[in-house]
């Protein structure tokens, strides 16, 4: 599947409900640990080099970034969680901001939850997935950095992640690599169901 994207804009970086854009566009949130490769995932998806800024210092995204994709959908990049160098009060503030968005936003159609295929999901990853399921939000689980392990290990890692998260089989599970674009078509197919 070839995605031709003509117009990409950052609509707003919002800290709270009163700053959310007033549009009828569907929204898909992207959530994951600080160094899981979220910006790389967004850039690969949109076929742009540095649209979502990748940073050598994880934890850079501190607001909800609403990216308008061709006036069809907003991708909402939420701050990475589980980053140690951020103060506890700052983390709590982010937590409240993310929770407010995920639980109150009517435009939200699904959440892309990113985990690193190489590791067992962290406590934060498990909490995030439980939280999303509790609020009946459809989840597209993306296991990133697939190029970093041999292909022969993918199934084993996927099984481990599914078990660890008590994965709901009605959700999509996508093995992804921004390095060689593994999973790119599958990701778009999963996303487009919600546009």
C-alpha atoms as a PDB file:
ATOM      1  CA  UNK A   1       0.000   0.000   0.000  1.00  0.00           C
ATOM      2  CA  UNK A   2       1.450   3.341  -1.020  1.00  0.00           C
ATOM      3  CA  UNK A   3       0.489   6.294   1.063  1.00  0.00           C
ATOM      4  CA  UNK A   4       0.698   9.656  -0.615  1.00  0.00           C
ATOM      5  CA  UNK A   5       0.638  12.372   1.946  1.00  0.00           C
ATOM      6  CA  UNK A   6       0.631  15.921   0.704  1.00  0.00           C
ATOM      7  CA  UNK A   7      -0.094  18.065   3.713  1.00  0.00           C
ATOM      8  CA  UNK A   8       1.376  17.546   7.128  1.00  0.00           C
ATOM      9  CA  UNK A   9       1.103  20.195   9.769  1.00  0.00           C
ATOM     10  CA  UNK A  10       1.496  20.421  13.494  1.00  0.00           C
ATOM     11  CA  UNK A  11      -1.906  21.839  14.476  1.00  0.00           C
ATOM     12  CA  UNK A  12      -1.063  22.511  18.107  1.00  0.00           C
ATOM     13  CA  UNK A  13       0.960  21.305  21.056  1.00  0.00           C
ATOM     14  CA  UNK A  14      -1.608  21.147  23.832  1.00  0.00           C
ATOM     15  CA  UNK A  15      -1.190  20.898  27.580  1.00  0.00           C
ATOM     16  CA  UNK A  16      -4.860  20.576  28.469  1.00  0.00           C
ATOM     17  CA  UNK A  17      -8.380  20.103  27.229  1.00  0.00           C
ATOM     18  CA  UNK A  18      -9.015  23.762  26.530  1.00  0.00           C
ATOM     19  CA  UNK A  19      -6.210  23.739  23.951  1.00  0.00           C
ATOM     20  CA  UNK A  20      -7.385  20.684  21.969  1.00  0.00           C
ATOM     21  CA  UNK A  21      -8.184  21.614  18.367  1.00  0.00           C
ATOM     22  CA  UNK A  22     -11.859  22.113  17.645  1.00  0.00           C
ATOM     23  CA  UNK A  23     -12.262  19.820  14.675  1.00  0.00           C
ATOM     24  CA  UNK A  24     -14.313  16.809  13.717  1.00  0.00           C
ATOM     25  CA  UNK A  25     -11.240  14.919  12.482  1.00  0.00           C
ATOM     26  CA  UNK A  26     -10.754  11.435  13.929  1.00  0.00           C
ATOM     27  CA  UNK A  27      -7.697  11.121  16.168  1.00  0.00           C
ATOM     28  CA  UNK A  28      -5.249   8.320  16.739  1.00  0.00           C
ATOM     29  CA  UNK A  29      -3.000   8.631  19.772  1.00  0.00           C
ATOM     30  CA  UNK A  30       0.526   7.224  19.887  1.00  0.00           C
ATOM     31  CA  UNK A  31       1.883   6.146  23.242  1.00  0.00           C
ATOM     32  CA  UNK A  32       5.000   4.372  24.416  1.00  0.00           C
ATOM     33  CA  UNK A  33       8.111   4.504  26.555  1.00  0.00           C
ATOM     34  CA  UNK A  34      10.453   7.399  25.942  1.00  0.00           C
ATOM     35  CA  UNK A  35      13.012   5.463  23.904  1.00  0.00           C
ATOM     36  CA  UNK A  36      10.711   3.009  22.121  1.00  0.00           C
ATOM     37  CA  UNK A  37      11.075   4.688  18.723  1.00  0.00           C
ATOM     38  CA  UNK A  38       7.801   6.611  18.574  1.00  0.00           C
ATOM     39  CA  UNK A  39       9.120   9.536  16.510  1.00  0.00           C
ATOM     40  CA  UNK A  40      10.836   7.120  14.118  1.00  0.00           C
ATOM     41  CA  UNK A  41       7.555   5.209  13.780  1.00  0.00           C
ATOM     42  CA  UNK A  42       5.664   8.421  12.956  1.00  0.00           C
ATOM     43  CA  UNK A  43       8.330   9.544  10.472  1.00  0.00           C
ATOM     44  CA  UNK A  44       8.391   6.144   8.732  1.00  0.00           C
ATOM     45  CA  UNK A  45       4.605   6.070   8.573  1.00  0.00           C
ATOM     46  CA  UNK A  46       4.473   9.530   7.023  1.00  0.00           C
ATOM     47  CA  UNK A  47       7.471   8.931   4.788  1.00  0.00           C
ATOM     48  CA  UNK A  48       9.280  11.984   6.162  1.00  0.00           C
ATOM     49  CA  UNK A  49      12.745  12.236   7.595  1.00  0.00           C
ATOM     50  CA  UNK A  50      12.360  14.574  10.549  1.00  0.00           C
ATOM     51  CA  UNK A  51       8.714  15.438  10.819  1.00  0.00           C
ATOM     52  CA  UNK A  52       8.351  14.189  14.383  1.00  0.00           C
ATOM     53  CA  UNK A  53      11.636  15.151  15.937  1.00  0.00           C
ATOM     54  CA  UNK A  54      13.712  12.244  17.119  1.00  0.00           C
ATOM     55  CA  UNK A  55      15.883  13.171  20.021  1.00  0.00           C
ATOM     56  CA  UNK A  56      19.073  11.856  21.525  1.00  0.00           C
ATOM     57  CA  UNK A  57      17.503  12.749  24.874  1.00  0.00           C
ATOM     58  CA  UNK A  58      14.365  10.694  25.392  1.00  0.00           C
ATOM     59  CA  UNK A  59      11.521  12.479  27.120  1.00  0.00           C
ATOM     60  CA  UNK A  60      11.540  15.489  24.796  1.00  0.00           C
ATOM     61  CA  UNK A  61       7.820  15.419  23.925  1.00  0.00           C
ATOM     62  CA  UNK A  62       6.205  17.157  26.891  1.00  0.00           C
ATOM     63  CA  UNK A  63       2.882  18.141  25.372  1.00  0.00           C
ATOM     64  CA  UNK A  64       0.229  16.477  23.244  1.00  0.00           C
ATOM     65  CA  UNK A  65       1.312  17.135  19.662  1.00  0.00           C
ATOM     66  CA  UNK A  66      -1.600  17.099  17.211  1.00  0.00           C
ATOM     67  CA  UNK A  67      -0.312  16.327  13.702  1.00  0.00           C
ATOM     68  CA  UNK A  68      -2.824  16.968  10.913  1.00  0.00           C
ATOM     69  CA  UNK A  69      -2.440  14.398   8.128  1.00  0.00           C
ATOM     70  CA  UNK A  70      -4.000  15.626   4.864  1.00  0.00           C
ATOM     71  CA  UNK A  71      -7.080  16.937   6.691  1.00  0.00           C
ATOM     72  CA  UNK A  72      -8.099  13.282   7.188  1.00  0.00           C
ATOM     73  CA  UNK A  73      -6.875  12.455  10.660  1.00  0.00           C
ATOM     74  CA  UNK A  74      -4.879  13.819  13.572  1.00  0.00           C
ATOM     75  CA  UNK A  75      -2.033  11.716  14.922  1.00  0.00           C
ATOM     76  CA  UNK A  76      -1.639  12.717  18.558  1.00  0.00           C
ATOM     77  CA  UNK A  77       1.836  12.136  19.914  1.00  0.00           C
ATOM     78  CA  UNK A  78       1.670  11.823  23.696  1.00  0.00           C
ATOM     79  CA  UNK A  79       4.698  12.255  25.981  1.00  0.00           C
ATOM     80  CA  UNK A  80       6.815   9.137  26.392  1.00  0.00           C
ATOM     81  CA  UNK A  81       6.406   7.526  29.783  1.00  0.00           C
ATOM     82  CA  UNK A  82       8.812   5.795  32.128  1.00  0.00           C
ATOM     83  CA  UNK A  83      11.622   8.275  31.673  1.00  0.00           C
ATOM     84  CA  UNK A  84      13.761   8.392  34.785  1.00  0.00           C
ATOM     85  CA  UNK A  85      15.358  11.825  34.416  1.00  0.00           C
ATOM     86  CA  UNK A  86      12.100  13.681  34.690  1.00  0.00           C
ATOM     87  CA  UNK A  87      11.051  14.782  38.153  1.00  0.00           C
ATOM     88  CA  UNK A  88       8.216  12.927  39.874  1.00  0.00           C
ATOM     89  CA  UNK A  89       5.976  16.015  39.815  1.00  0.00           C
ATOM     90  CA  UNK A  90       6.654  16.477  36.093  1.00  0.00           C
ATOM     91  CA  UNK A  91       5.803  12.803  35.458  1.00  0.00           C
ATOM     92  CA  UNK A  92       2.580  13.148  37.447  1.00  0.00           C
ATOM     93  CA  UNK A  93       1.662  16.234  35.441  1.00  0.00           C
ATOM     94  CA  UNK A  94       2.219  14.331  32.175  1.00  0.00           C
ATOM     95  CA  UNK A  95       0.239  11.395  33.549  1.00  0.00           C
ATOM     96  CA  UNK A  96      -2.745  13.641  34.296  1.00  0.00           C
ATOM     97  CA  UNK A  97      -2.491  15.300  30.890  1.00  0.00           C
ATOM     98  CA  UNK A  98      -2.373  11.948  29.058  1.00  0.00           C
ATOM     99  CA  UNK A  99      -5.165  10.489  31.164  1.00  0.00           C
ATOM    100  CA  UNK A 100      -7.391  13.523  30.572  1.00  0.00           C
ATOM    101  CA  UNK A 101      -6.873  13.232  26.835  1.00  0.00           C
ATOM    102  CA  UNK A 102      -7.381   9.458  26.611  1.00  0.00           C
ATOM    103  CA  UNK A 103     -10.490   9.416  28.789  1.00  0.00           C
ATOM    104  CA  UNK A 104     -12.335  12.552  27.623  1.00  0.00           C
ATOM    105  CA  UNK A 105     -11.523  13.133  23.968  1.00  0.00           C
ATOM    106  CA  UNK A 106     -14.476  12.213  21.769  1.00  0.00           C
ATOM    107  CA  UNK A 107     -12.479  12.363  18.526  1.00  0.00           C
ATOM    108  CA  UNK A 108     -10.132   9.617  19.738  1.00  0.00           C
ATOM    109  CA  UNK A 109     -10.669   6.441  17.704  1.00  0.00           C
ATOM    110  CA  UNK A 110      -7.736   4.212  18.635  1.00  0.00           C
ATOM    111  CA  UNK A 111      -4.366   4.177  20.367  1.00  0.00           C
ATOM    112  CA  UNK A 112      -1.111   2.952  18.882  1.00  0.00           C
ATOM    113  CA  UNK A 113       0.759   1.460  21.827  1.00  0.00           C
ATOM    114  CA  UNK A 114       4.442   0.932  21.109  1.00  0.00           C
ATOM    115  CA  UNK A 115       6.691  -1.607  22.830  1.00  0.00           C
ATOM    116  CA  UNK A 116      10.252  -2.703  22.101  1.00  0.00           C
ATOM    117  CA  UNK A 117      10.195  -6.195  20.568  1.00  0.00           C
ATOM    118  CA  UNK A 118      13.532  -7.050  22.214  1.00  0.00           C
ATOM    119  CA  UNK A 119      12.307  -6.779  25.796  1.00  0.00           C
ATOM    120  CA  UNK A 120       9.502  -7.953  27.974  1.00  0.00           C
ATOM    121  CA  UNK A 121       6.967  -5.108  28.376  1.00  0.00           C
ATOM    122  CA  UNK A 122       7.785  -2.896  31.364  1.00  0.00           C
ATOM    123  CA  UNK A 123       5.380  -2.282  34.247  1.00  0.00           C
ATOM    124  CA  UNK A 124       4.517   1.035  32.561  1.00  0.00           C
ATOM    125  CA  UNK A 125       3.756  -0.772  29.286  1.00  0.00           C
ATOM    126  CA  UNK A 126       1.458  -3.187  31.112  1.00  0.00           C
ATOM    127  CA  UNK A 127      -0.289  -0.392  32.991  1.00  0.00           C
ATOM    128  CA  UNK A 128      -0.825   1.556  29.771  1.00  0.00           C
ATOM    129  CA  UNK A 129      -2.324  -1.455  28.009  1.00  0.00           C
ATOM    130  CA  UNK A 130      -4.579  -2.272  30.990  1.00  0.00           C
ATOM    131  CA  UNK A 131      -5.662   1.361  31.138  1.00  0.00           C
ATOM    132  CA  UNK A 132      -6.573   1.415  27.441  1.00  0.00           C
ATOM    133  CA  UNK A 133      -8.508  -1.827  27.743  1.00  0.00           C
ATOM    134  CA  UNK A 134     -10.301  -0.562  30.846  1.00  0.00           C
ATOM    135  CA  UNK A 135     -11.577   2.410  28.837  1.00  0.00           C
ATOM    136  CA  UNK A 136     -12.503   0.158  25.887  1.00  0.00           C
ATOM    137  CA  UNK A 137     -10.120   1.915  23.529  1.00  0.00           C
ATOM    138  CA  UNK A 138      -9.088  -0.074  20.446  1.00  0.00           C
ATOM    139  CA  UNK A 139      -5.342  -0.708  20.522  1.00  0.00           C
ATOM    140  CA  UNK A 140      -2.877  -1.210  17.694  1.00  0.00           C
ATOM    141  CA  UNK A 141       0.150  -2.735  19.389  1.00  0.00           C
ATOM    142  CA  UNK A 142       3.369  -2.011  17.534  1.00  0.00           C
ATOM    143  CA  UNK A 143       6.496  -3.949  18.488  1.00  0.00           C
ATOM    144  CA  UNK A 144       9.345  -1.702  17.295  1.00  0.00           C
ATOM    145  CA  UNK A 145      13.029  -2.288  16.492  1.00  0.00           C
ATOM    146  CA  UNK A 146      12.428  -5.638  14.777  1.00  0.00           C
ATOM    147  CA  UNK A 147      15.614  -5.149  12.732  1.00  0.00           C
ATOM    148  CA  UNK A 148      17.634  -5.389  15.959  1.00  0.00           C
ATOM    149  CA  UNK A 149      16.901  -9.093  16.446  1.00  0.00           C
ATOM    150  CA  UNK A 150      17.050 -12.069  14.049  1.00  0.00           C
ATOM    151  CA  UNK A 151      13.801 -12.732  12.215  1.00  0.00           C
ATOM    152  CA  UNK A 152      13.813 -16.270  13.626  1.00  0.00           C
ATOM    153  CA  UNK A 153      13.160 -14.813  17.094  1.00  0.00           C
ATOM    154  CA  UNK A 154      10.169 -12.651  16.167  1.00  0.00           C
ATOM    155  CA  UNK A 155       7.499 -15.254  16.929  1.00  0.00           C
ATOM    156  CA  UNK A 156       9.019 -16.081  20.284  1.00  0.00           C
ATOM    157  CA  UNK A 157       9.208 -12.393  21.242  1.00  0.00           C
ATOM    158  CA  UNK A 158       5.670 -11.756  20.031  1.00  0.00           C
ATOM    159  CA  UNK A 159       4.349 -14.664  22.109  1.00  0.00           C
ATOM    160  CA  UNK A 160       6.189 -13.352  25.172  1.00  0.00           C
ATOM    161  CA  UNK A 161       4.784  -9.823  24.712  1.00  0.00           C
ATOM    162  CA  UNK A 162       1.232 -11.099  24.150  1.00  0.00           C
ATOM    163  CA  UNK A 163       1.417 -13.219  27.294  1.00  0.00           C
ATOM    164  CA  UNK A 164       2.967 -10.460  29.382  1.00  0.00           C
ATOM    165  CA  UNK A 165       0.275  -7.935  28.386  1.00  0.00           C
ATOM    166  CA  UNK A 166      -2.598 -10.471  28.531  1.00  0.00           C
ATOM    167  CA  UNK A 167      -3.116  -9.313  24.955  1.00  0.00           C
ATOM    168  CA  UNK A 168      -6.639  -9.034  23.612  1.00  0.00           C
ATOM    169  CA  UNK A 169      -6.751 -10.927  20.307  1.00  0.00           C
ATOM    170  CA  UNK A 170      -9.241  -8.414  18.860  1.00  0.00           C
ATOM    171  CA  UNK A 171      -6.448  -5.802  18.864  1.00  0.00           C
ATOM    172  CA  UNK A 172      -3.887  -5.584  16.065  1.00  0.00           C
ATOM    173  CA  UNK A 173      -0.309  -6.733  16.734  1.00  0.00           C
ATOM    174  CA  UNK A 174       2.296  -5.396  14.311  1.00  0.00           C
ATOM    175  CA  UNK A 175       5.999  -6.192  14.184  1.00  0.00           C
ATOM    176  CA  UNK A 176       7.720  -3.040  12.969  1.00  0.00           C
ATOM    177  CA  UNK A 177      11.076  -1.629  11.972  1.00  0.00           C
ATOM    178  CA  UNK A 178      11.613   1.959  10.910  1.00  0.00           C
ATOM    179  CA  UNK A 179      15.033   0.871   9.635  1.00  0.00           C
ATOM    180  CA  UNK A 180      13.796  -1.468   6.876  1.00  0.00           C
ATOM    181  CA  UNK A 181      10.070  -0.572   6.931  1.00  0.00           C
ATOM    182  CA  UNK A 182       8.939  -4.006   8.134  1.00  0.00           C
ATOM    183  CA  UNK A 183       5.261  -3.752   9.101  1.00  0.00           C
ATOM    184  CA  UNK A 184       4.634  -0.431   7.363  1.00  0.00           C
ATOM    185  CA  UNK A 185       1.755  -1.664   5.187  1.00  0.00           C
ATOM    186  CA  UNK A 186       0.218  -3.589   8.084  1.00  0.00           C
ATOM    187  CA  UNK A 187       0.399  -0.467  10.247  1.00  0.00           C
ATOM    188  CA  UNK A 188      -1.433   1.616   7.632  1.00  0.00           C
ATOM    189  CA  UNK A 189      -4.079  -1.079   7.135  1.00  0.00           C
ATOM    190  CA  UNK A 190      -4.706  -1.204  10.883  1.00  0.00           C
ATOM    191  CA  UNK A 191      -4.848   2.597  11.152  1.00  0.00           C
ATOM    192  CA  UNK A 192      -7.105   3.215   8.180  1.00  0.00           C
ATOM    193  CA  UNK A 193      -9.940   1.240   9.732  1.00  0.00           C
ATOM    194  CA  UNK A 194     -10.309   4.131  12.178  1.00  0.00           C
ATOM    195  CA  UNK A 195     -10.244   7.072   9.762  1.00  0.00           C
END
